[in-house]
């Protein structure tokens, strides 16, 4: 099974699994995409915002653009690794 490339949190409260999932993703260096609604409605995202792998999306189009950027970066790394291993 392929490893997830990013974690996207679109709705989360203080006592929800999404908060833990986002923190674990960031701890493992995996990108996390938080919607602006999650950021506005909760205090816990403040601990994550500002880290290089954390993105805040203001709407669906921006979230999808971030996903596209993450996929492109992963593909580039995979191509470089394949080239290096030849």
PDB file of N, CA and C in Angstrom:
ATOM      1  N   UNK A   1       0.831  -1.165   0.000  1.00  0.00           N
ATOM      2  CA  UNK A   1       0.000   0.000   0.000  1.00  0.00           C
ATOM      3  C   UNK A   1       0.888   1.244   0.000  1.00  0.00           C
ATOM      4  N   UNK A   2       0.582   2.233  -0.870  1.00  0.00           N
ATOM      5  CA  UNK A   2       1.412   3.438  -0.908  1.00  0.00           C
ATOM      6  C   UNK A   2       1.274   4.264   0.369  1.00  0.00           C
ATOM      7  N   UNK A   3       2.356   4.912   0.730  1.00  0.00           N
ATOM      8  CA  UNK A   3       2.379   5.773   1.918  1.00  0.00           C
ATOM      9  C   UNK A   3       1.663   7.077   1.591  1.00  0.00           C
ATOM     10  N   UNK A   4       0.827   7.583   2.504  1.00  0.00           N
ATOM     11  CA  UNK A   4       0.155   8.850   2.241  1.00  0.00           C
ATOM     12  C   UNK A   4       1.181   9.960   2.041  1.00  0.00           C
ATOM     13  N   UNK A   5       0.899  10.846   1.117  1.00  0.00           N
ATOM     14  CA  UNK A   5       1.827  11.944   0.835  1.00  0.00           C
ATOM     15  C   UNK A   5       1.545  13.160   1.706  1.00  0.00           C
ATOM     16  N   UNK A   6       0.314  13.267   2.230  1.00  0.00           N
ATOM     17  CA  UNK A   6      -0.038  14.415   3.054  1.00  0.00           C
ATOM     18  C   UNK A   6      -1.259  14.074   3.886  1.00  0.00           C
ATOM     19  N   UNK A   7      -1.469  14.855   4.926  1.00  0.00           N
ATOM     20  CA  UNK A   7      -2.660  14.746   5.758  1.00  0.00           C
ATOM     21  C   UNK A   7      -3.454  16.023   5.573  1.00  0.00           C
ATOM     22  N   UNK A   8      -4.745  15.884   5.292  1.00  0.00           N
ATOM     23  CA  UNK A   8      -5.614  17.038   5.101  1.00  0.00           C
ATOM     24  C   UNK A   8      -6.672  17.033   6.194  1.00  0.00           C
ATOM     25  N   UNK A   9      -6.767  18.140   6.927  1.00  0.00           N
ATOM     26  CA  UNK A   9      -7.748  18.267   8.004  1.00  0.00           C
ATOM     27  C   UNK A   9      -8.736  19.343   7.609  1.00  0.00           C
ATOM     28  N   UNK A  10      -9.987  18.934   7.396  1.00  0.00           N
ATOM     29  CA  UNK A  10     -11.015  19.883   6.979  1.00  0.00           C
ATOM     30  C   UNK A  10     -11.991  20.219   8.102  1.00  0.00           C
ATOM     31  N   UNK A  11     -12.061  19.366   9.111  1.00  0.00           N
ATOM     32  CA  UNK A  11     -12.922  19.615  10.262  1.00  0.00           C
ATOM     33  C   UNK A  11     -12.330  18.891  11.457  1.00  0.00           C
ATOM     34  N   UNK A  12     -12.190  19.610  12.569  1.00  0.00           N
ATOM     35  CA  UNK A  12     -11.598  18.975  13.747  1.00  0.00           C
ATOM     36  C   UNK A  12     -11.887  19.802  14.979  1.00  0.00           C
ATOM     37  N   UNK A  13     -12.233  19.109  16.031  1.00  0.00           N
ATOM     38  CA  UNK A  13     -12.415  19.759  17.314  1.00  0.00           C
ATOM     39  C   UNK A  13     -11.229  19.465  18.212  1.00  0.00           C
ATOM     40  N   UNK A  14     -11.330  19.917  19.433  1.00  0.00           N
ATOM     41  CA  UNK A  14     -10.237  19.735  20.389  1.00  0.00           C
ATOM     42  C   UNK A  14     -10.031  18.267  20.719  1.00  0.00           C
ATOM     43  N   UNK A  15     -11.087  17.512  20.847  1.00  0.00           N
ATOM     44  CA  UNK A  15     -10.992  16.114  21.274  1.00  0.00           C
ATOM     45  C   UNK A  15     -11.270  15.151  20.122  1.00  0.00           C
ATOM     46  N   UNK A  16     -10.796  15.476  18.959  1.00  0.00           N
ATOM     47  CA  UNK A  16     -11.004  14.631  17.780  1.00  0.00           C
ATOM     48  C   UNK A  16      -9.692  13.999  17.349  1.00  0.00           C
ATOM     49  N   UNK A  17      -9.799  12.886  16.654  1.00  0.00           N
ATOM     50  CA  UNK A  17      -8.618  12.189  16.167  1.00  0.00           C
ATOM     51  C   UNK A  17      -7.852  12.965  15.113  1.00  0.00           C
ATOM     52  N   UNK A  18      -8.524  13.860  14.413  1.00  0.00           N
ATOM     53  CA  UNK A  18      -7.853  14.629  13.357  1.00  0.00           C
ATOM     54  C   UNK A  18      -6.732  15.482  13.923  1.00  0.00           C
ATOM     55  N   UNK A  19      -6.913  16.013  15.109  1.00  0.00           N
ATOM     56  CA  UNK A  19      -5.867  16.829  15.745  1.00  0.00           C
ATOM     57  C   UNK A  19      -4.619  15.975  15.978  1.00  0.00           C
ATOM     58  N   UNK A  20      -4.815  14.790  16.514  1.00  0.00           N
ATOM     59  CA  UNK A  20      -3.697  13.882  16.772  1.00  0.00           C
ATOM     60  C   UNK A  20      -3.057  13.441  15.457  1.00  0.00           C
ATOM     61  N   UNK A  21      -3.885  13.153  14.483  1.00  0.00           N
ATOM     62  CA  UNK A  21      -3.391  12.717  13.177  1.00  0.00           C
ATOM     63  C   UNK A  21      -2.522  13.808  12.543  1.00  0.00           C
ATOM     64  N   UNK A  22      -2.963  15.049  12.609  1.00  0.00           N
ATOM     65  CA  UNK A  22      -2.188  16.164  12.047  1.00  0.00           C
ATOM     66  C   UNK A  22      -0.864  16.322  12.778  1.00  0.00           C
ATOM     67  N   UNK A  23      -0.885  16.249  14.087  1.00  0.00           N
ATOM     68  CA  UNK A  23       0.361  16.380  14.856  1.00  0.00           C
ATOM     69  C   UNK A  23       1.337  15.254  14.540  1.00  0.00           C
ATOM     70  N   UNK A  24       0.838  14.041  14.403  1.00  0.00           N
ATOM     71  CA  UNK A  24       1.708  12.903  14.083  1.00  0.00           C
ATOM     72  C   UNK A  24       2.290  13.040  12.684  1.00  0.00           C
ATOM     73  N   UNK A  25       1.482  13.504  11.736  1.00  0.00           N
ATOM     74  CA  UNK A  25       1.980  13.703  10.377  1.00  0.00           C
ATOM     75  C   UNK A  25       3.149  14.678  10.380  1.00  0.00           C
ATOM     76  N   UNK A  26       2.974  15.795  11.071  1.00  0.00           N
ATOM     77  CA  UNK A  26       4.021  16.809  11.141  1.00  0.00           C
ATOM     78  C   UNK A  26       5.253  16.260  11.854  1.00  0.00           C
ATOM     79  N   UNK A  27       5.050  15.505  12.909  1.00  0.00           N
ATOM     80  CA  UNK A  27       6.175  14.917  13.645  1.00  0.00           C
ATOM     81  C   UNK A  27       6.989  13.977  12.763  1.00  0.00           C
ATOM     82  N   UNK A  28       6.340  13.356  11.788  1.00  0.00           N
ATOM     83  CA  UNK A  28       7.021  12.432  10.885  1.00  0.00           C
ATOM     84  C   UNK A  28       7.491  13.112   9.615  1.00  0.00           C
ATOM     85  N   UNK A  29       7.310  14.445   9.533  1.00  0.00           N
ATOM     86  CA  UNK A  29       7.779  15.183   8.370  1.00  0.00           C
ATOM     87  C   UNK A  29       6.851  15.147   7.175  1.00  0.00           C
ATOM     88  N   UNK A  30       5.644  14.639   7.366  1.00  0.00           N
ATOM     89  CA  UNK A  30       4.675  14.568   6.277  1.00  0.00           C
ATOM     90  C   UNK A  30       3.865  15.861   6.249  1.00  0.00           C
ATOM     91  N   UNK A  31       3.618  16.416   5.076  1.00  0.00           N
ATOM     92  CA  UNK A  31       2.842  17.649   5.001  1.00  0.00           C
ATOM     93  C   UNK A  31       1.444  17.506   5.598  1.00  0.00           C
ATOM     94  N   UNK A  32       0.991  18.582   6.209  1.00  0.00           N
ATOM     95  CA  UNK A  32      -0.368  18.649   6.746  1.00  0.00           C
ATOM     96  C   UNK A  32      -1.044  19.879   6.161  1.00  0.00           C
ATOM     97  N   UNK A  33      -2.241  19.686   5.652  1.00  0.00           N
ATOM     98  CA  UNK A  33      -3.021  20.779   5.086  1.00  0.00           C
ATOM     99  C   UNK A  33      -4.213  21.005   6.002  1.00  0.00           C
ATOM    100  N   UNK A  34      -4.299  22.202   6.559  1.00  0.00           N
ATOM    101  CA  UNK A  34      -5.400  22.572   7.441  1.00  0.00           C
ATOM    102  C   UNK A  34      -6.255  23.605   6.724  1.00  0.00           C
ATOM    103  N   UNK A  35      -7.558  23.476   6.824  1.00  0.00           N
ATOM    104  CA  UNK A  35      -8.398  24.512   6.246  1.00  0.00           C
ATOM    105  C   UNK A  35      -8.414  25.719   7.170  1.00  0.00           C
ATOM    106  N   UNK A  36      -8.680  26.868   6.605  1.00  0.00           N
ATOM    107  CA  UNK A  36      -8.747  28.082   7.412  1.00  0.00           C
ATOM    108  C   UNK A  36      -9.847  27.992   8.465  1.00  0.00           C
ATOM    109  N   UNK A  37     -10.899  27.226   8.182  1.00  0.00           N
ATOM    110  CA  UNK A  37     -11.978  27.050   9.171  1.00  0.00           C
ATOM    111  C   UNK A  37     -11.489  26.290  10.398  1.00  0.00           C
ATOM    112  N   UNK A  38     -10.652  25.277  10.198  1.00  0.00           N
ATOM    113  CA  UNK A  38     -10.070  24.536  11.315  1.00  0.00           C
ATOM    114  C   UNK A  38      -9.173  25.453  12.141  1.00  0.00           C
ATOM    115  N   UNK A  39      -8.388  26.263  11.461  1.00  0.00           N
ATOM    116  CA  UNK A  39      -7.481  27.177  12.150  1.00  0.00           C
ATOM    117  C   UNK A  39      -8.266  28.206  12.967  1.00  0.00           C
ATOM    118  N   UNK A  40      -9.347  28.726  12.407  1.00  0.00           N
ATOM    119  CA  UNK A  40     -10.144  29.742  13.084  1.00  0.00           C
ATOM    120  C   UNK A  40     -10.938  29.179  14.267  1.00  0.00           C
ATOM    121  N   UNK A  41     -11.355  27.919  14.161  1.00  0.00           N
ATOM    122  CA  UNK A  41     -12.240  27.338  15.169  1.00  0.00           C
ATOM    123  C   UNK A  41     -11.512  26.662  16.329  1.00  0.00           C
ATOM    124  N   UNK A  42     -10.194  26.511  16.234  1.00  0.00           N
ATOM    125  CA  UNK A  42      -9.440  25.761  17.239  1.00  0.00           C
ATOM    126  C   UNK A  42      -8.165  26.492  17.627  1.00  0.00           C
ATOM    127  N   UNK A  43      -7.683  26.177  18.821  1.00  0.00           N
ATOM    128  CA  UNK A  43      -6.403  26.742  19.273  1.00  0.00           C
ATOM    129  C   UNK A  43      -5.220  25.861  18.896  1.00  0.00           C
ATOM    130  N   UNK A  44      -5.427  24.550  18.795  1.00  0.00           N
ATOM    131  CA  UNK A  44      -4.311  23.637  18.588  1.00  0.00           C
ATOM    132  C   UNK A  44      -3.532  23.854  17.297  1.00  0.00           C
ATOM    133  N   UNK A  45      -4.145  24.351  16.192  1.00  0.00           N
ATOM    134  CA  UNK A  45      -3.326  24.554  14.993  1.00  0.00           C
ATOM    135  C   UNK A  45      -2.204  25.576  15.170  1.00  0.00           C
ATOM    136  N   UNK A  46      -2.330  26.465  16.135  1.00  0.00           N
ATOM    137  CA  UNK A  46      -1.295  27.476  16.365  1.00  0.00           C
ATOM    138  C   UNK A  46       0.055  26.828  16.661  1.00  0.00           C
ATOM    139  N   UNK A  47       0.038  25.639  17.261  1.00  0.00           N
ATOM    140  CA  UNK A  47       1.278  24.923  17.557  1.00  0.00           C
ATOM    141  C   UNK A  47       1.953  24.381  16.295  1.00  0.00           C
ATOM    142  N   UNK A  48       1.181  24.245  15.218  1.00  0.00           N
ATOM    143  CA  UNK A  48       1.704  23.659  13.985  1.00  0.00           C
ATOM    144  C   UNK A  48       2.032  24.697  12.916  1.00  0.00           C
ATOM    145  N   UNK A  49       1.261  25.762  12.883  1.00  0.00           N
ATOM    146  CA  UNK A  49       1.430  26.782  11.841  1.00  0.00           C
ATOM    147  C   UNK A  49       2.820  27.402  11.950  1.00  0.00           C
ATOM    148  N   UNK A  50       3.436  27.567  10.806  1.00  0.00           N
ATOM    149  CA  UNK A  50       4.787  28.126  10.758  1.00  0.00           C
ATOM    150  C   UNK A  50       5.837  27.061  10.490  1.00  0.00           C
ATOM    151  N   UNK A  51       5.470  25.808  10.667  1.00  0.00           N
ATOM    152  CA  UNK A  51       6.412  24.729  10.342  1.00  0.00           C
ATOM    153  C   UNK A  51       6.409  24.526   8.828  1.00  0.00           C
ATOM    154  N   UNK A  52       7.539  24.141   8.257  1.00  0.00           N
ATOM    155  CA  UNK A  52       7.646  24.043   6.795  1.00  0.00           C
ATOM    156  C   UNK A  52       6.642  23.090   6.140  1.00  0.00           C
ATOM    157  N   UNK A  53       6.213  22.061   6.841  1.00  0.00           N
ATOM    158  CA  UNK A  53       5.319  21.076   6.221  1.00  0.00           C
ATOM    159  C   UNK A  53       3.838  21.359   6.479  1.00  0.00           C
ATOM    160  N   UNK A  54       3.525  22.464   7.140  1.00  0.00           N
ATOM    161  CA  UNK A  54       2.132  22.789   7.463  1.00  0.00           C
ATOM    162  C   UNK A  54       1.632  23.893   6.538  1.00  0.00           C
ATOM    163  N   UNK A  55       0.496  23.626   5.927  1.00  0.00           N
ATOM    164  CA  UNK A  55      -0.113  24.568   4.988  1.00  0.00           C
ATOM    165  C   UNK A  55      -1.526  24.888   5.455  1.00  0.00           C
ATOM    166  N   UNK A  56      -1.934  26.144   5.292  1.00  0.00           N
ATOM    167  CA  UNK A  56      -3.308  26.541   5.587  1.00  0.00           C
ATOM    168  C   UNK A  56      -3.960  26.898   4.261  1.00  0.00           C
ATOM    169  N   UNK A  57      -5.064  26.230   3.961  1.00  0.00           N
ATOM    170  CA  UNK A  57      -5.771  26.445   2.700  1.00  0.00           C
ATOM    171  C   UNK A  57      -7.026  27.278   2.942  1.00  0.00           C
ATOM    172  N   UNK A  58      -7.189  28.283   2.119  1.00  0.00           N
ATOM    173  CA  UNK A  58      -8.358  29.154   2.180  1.00  0.00           C
ATOM    174  C   UNK A  58      -9.285  28.772   1.032  1.00  0.00           C
ATOM    175  N   UNK A  59      -9.933  27.651   1.177  1.00  0.00           N
ATOM    176  CA  UNK A  59     -10.864  27.187   0.154  1.00  0.00           C
ATOM    177  C   UNK A  59     -10.366  25.940  -0.555  1.00  0.00           C
ATOM    178  N   UNK A  60     -11.294  25.318  -1.273  1.00  0.00           N
ATOM    179  CA  UNK A  60     -11.014  24.060  -1.957  1.00  0.00           C
ATOM    180  C   UNK A  60      -9.965  24.211  -3.051  1.00  0.00           C
ATOM    181  N   UNK A  61     -10.053  25.279  -3.822  1.00  0.00           N
ATOM    182  CA  UNK A  61      -9.094  25.461  -4.920  1.00  0.00           C
ATOM    183  C   UNK A  61      -7.671  25.578  -4.389  1.00  0.00           C
ATOM    184  N   UNK A  62      -7.491  26.314  -3.300  1.00  0.00           N
ATOM    185  CA  UNK A  62      -6.152  26.450  -2.733  1.00  0.00           C
ATOM    186  C   UNK A  62      -5.669  25.128  -2.143  1.00  0.00           C
ATOM    187  N   UNK A  63      -6.574  24.383  -1.502  1.00  0.00           N
ATOM    188  CA  UNK A  63      -6.198  23.071  -0.961  1.00  0.00           C
ATOM    189  C   UNK A  63      -5.739  22.139  -2.075  1.00  0.00           C
ATOM    190  N   UNK A  64      -6.441  22.139  -3.188  1.00  0.00           N
ATOM    191  CA  UNK A  64      -6.072  21.274  -4.304  1.00  0.00           C
ATOM    192  C   UNK A  64      -4.750  21.724  -4.938  1.00  0.00           C
ATOM    193  N   UNK A  65      -4.501  23.022  -4.969  1.00  0.00           N
ATOM    194  CA  UNK A  65      -3.217  23.516  -5.491  1.00  0.00           C
ATOM    195  C   UNK A  65      -2.070  23.057  -4.596  1.00  0.00           C
ATOM    196  N   UNK A  66      -2.289  23.091  -3.295  1.00  0.00           N
ATOM    197  CA  UNK A  66      -1.259  22.628  -2.357  1.00  0.00           C
ATOM    198  C   UNK A  66      -1.002  21.134  -2.553  1.00  0.00           C
ATOM    199  N   UNK A  67      -2.082  20.368  -2.708  1.00  0.00           N
ATOM    200  CA  UNK A  67      -1.943  18.925  -2.964  1.00  0.00           C
ATOM    201  C   UNK A  67      -1.129  18.706  -4.236  1.00  0.00           C
ATOM    202  N   UNK A  68      -1.425  19.473  -5.276  1.00  0.00           N
ATOM    203  CA  UNK A  68      -0.669  19.351  -6.529  1.00  0.00           C
ATOM    204  C   UNK A  68       0.807  19.642  -6.341  1.00  0.00           C
ATOM    205  N   UNK A  69       1.115  20.668  -5.564  1.00  0.00           N
ATOM    206  CA  UNK A  69       2.516  21.006  -5.289  1.00  0.00           C
ATOM    207  C   UNK A  69       3.218  19.885  -4.527  1.00  0.00           C
ATOM    208  N   UNK A  70       2.517  19.294  -3.558  1.00  0.00           N
ATOM    209  CA  UNK A  70       3.098  18.202  -2.761  1.00  0.00           C
ATOM    210  C   UNK A  70       3.366  16.984  -3.644  1.00  0.00           C
ATOM    211  N   UNK A  71       2.417  16.654  -4.503  1.00  0.00           N
ATOM    212  CA  UNK A  71       2.584  15.509  -5.407  1.00  0.00           C
ATOM    213  C   UNK A  71       3.755  15.751  -6.358  1.00  0.00           C
ATOM    214  N   UNK A  72       3.842  16.972  -6.902  1.00  0.00           N
ATOM    215  CA  UNK A  72       4.939  17.294  -7.820  1.00  0.00           C
ATOM    216  C   UNK A  72       6.288  17.178  -7.112  1.00  0.00           C
ATOM    217  N   UNK A  73       6.373  17.657  -5.879  1.00  0.00           N
ATOM    218  CA  UNK A  73       7.628  17.572  -5.129  1.00  0.00           C
ATOM    219  C   UNK A  73       7.998  16.115  -4.857  1.00  0.00           C
ATOM    220  N   UNK A  74       7.019  15.295  -4.495  1.00  0.00           N
ATOM    221  CA  UNK A  74       7.276  13.869  -4.237  1.00  0.00           C
ATOM    222  C   UNK A  74       7.733  13.167  -5.514  1.00  0.00           C
ATOM    223  N   UNK A  75       7.076  13.491  -6.621  1.00  0.00           N
ATOM    224  CA  UNK A  75       7.463  12.886  -7.894  1.00  0.00           C
ATOM    225  C   UNK A  75       8.890  13.270  -8.277  1.00  0.00           C
ATOM    226  N   UNK A  76       9.255  14.521  -8.019  1.00  0.00           N
ATOM    227  CA  UNK A  76      10.611  14.982  -8.329  1.00  0.00           C
ATOM    228  C   UNK A  76      11.643  14.233  -7.487  1.00  0.00           C
ATOM    229  N   UNK A  77      11.354  14.061  -6.216  1.00  0.00           N
ATOM    230  CA  UNK A  77      12.260  13.313  -5.338  1.00  0.00           C
ATOM    231  C   UNK A  77      12.376  11.870  -5.808  1.00  0.00           C
ATOM    232  N   UNK A  78      11.261  11.256  -6.167  1.00  0.00           N
ATOM    233  CA  UNK A  78      11.288   9.870  -6.645  1.00  0.00           C
ATOM    234  C   UNK A  78      12.116   9.738  -7.920  1.00  0.00           C
ATOM    235  N   UNK A  79      11.993  10.706  -8.827  1.00  0.00           N
ATOM    236  CA  UNK A  79      12.786  10.675 -10.063  1.00  0.00           C
ATOM    237  C   UNK A  79      14.274  10.811  -9.762  1.00  0.00           C
ATOM    238  N   UNK A  80      14.624  11.713  -8.849  1.00  0.00           N
ATOM    239  CA  UNK A  80      16.036  11.894  -8.486  1.00  0.00           C
ATOM    240  C   UNK A  80      16.593  10.628  -7.830  1.00  0.00           C
ATOM    241  N   UNK A  81      15.797  10.004  -6.974  1.00  0.00           N
ATOM    242  CA  UNK A  81      16.249   8.764  -6.323  1.00  0.00           C
ATOM    243  C   UNK A  81      16.428   7.655  -7.344  1.00  0.00           C
ATOM    244  N   UNK A  82      15.494   7.545  -8.284  1.00  0.00           N
ATOM    245  CA  UNK A  82      15.608   6.506  -9.319  1.00  0.00           C
ATOM    246  C   UNK A  82      16.856   6.739 -10.163  1.00  0.00           C
ATOM    247  N   UNK A  83      17.138   7.987 -10.496  1.00  0.00           N
ATOM    248  CA  UNK A  83      18.333   8.316 -11.269  1.00  0.00           C
ATOM    249  C   UNK A  83      19.605   7.973 -10.483  1.00  0.00           C
ATOM    250  N   UNK A  84      19.608   8.315  -9.203  1.00  0.00           N
ATOM    251  CA  UNK A  84      20.783   8.066  -8.356  1.00  0.00           C
ATOM    252  C   UNK A  84      21.040   6.576  -8.173  1.00  0.00           C
ATOM    253  N   UNK A  85      20.001   5.773  -8.219  1.00  0.00           N
ATOM    254  CA  UNK A  85      20.145   4.334  -7.991  1.00  0.00           C
ATOM    255  C   UNK A  85      20.442   3.550  -9.267  1.00  0.00           C
ATOM    256  N   UNK A  86      20.527   4.236 -10.399  1.00  0.00           N
ATOM    257  CA  UNK A  86      20.799   3.532 -11.663  1.00  0.00           C
ATOM    258  C   UNK A  86      22.225   3.045 -11.708  1.00  0.00           C
TER     259      UNK A  86
END
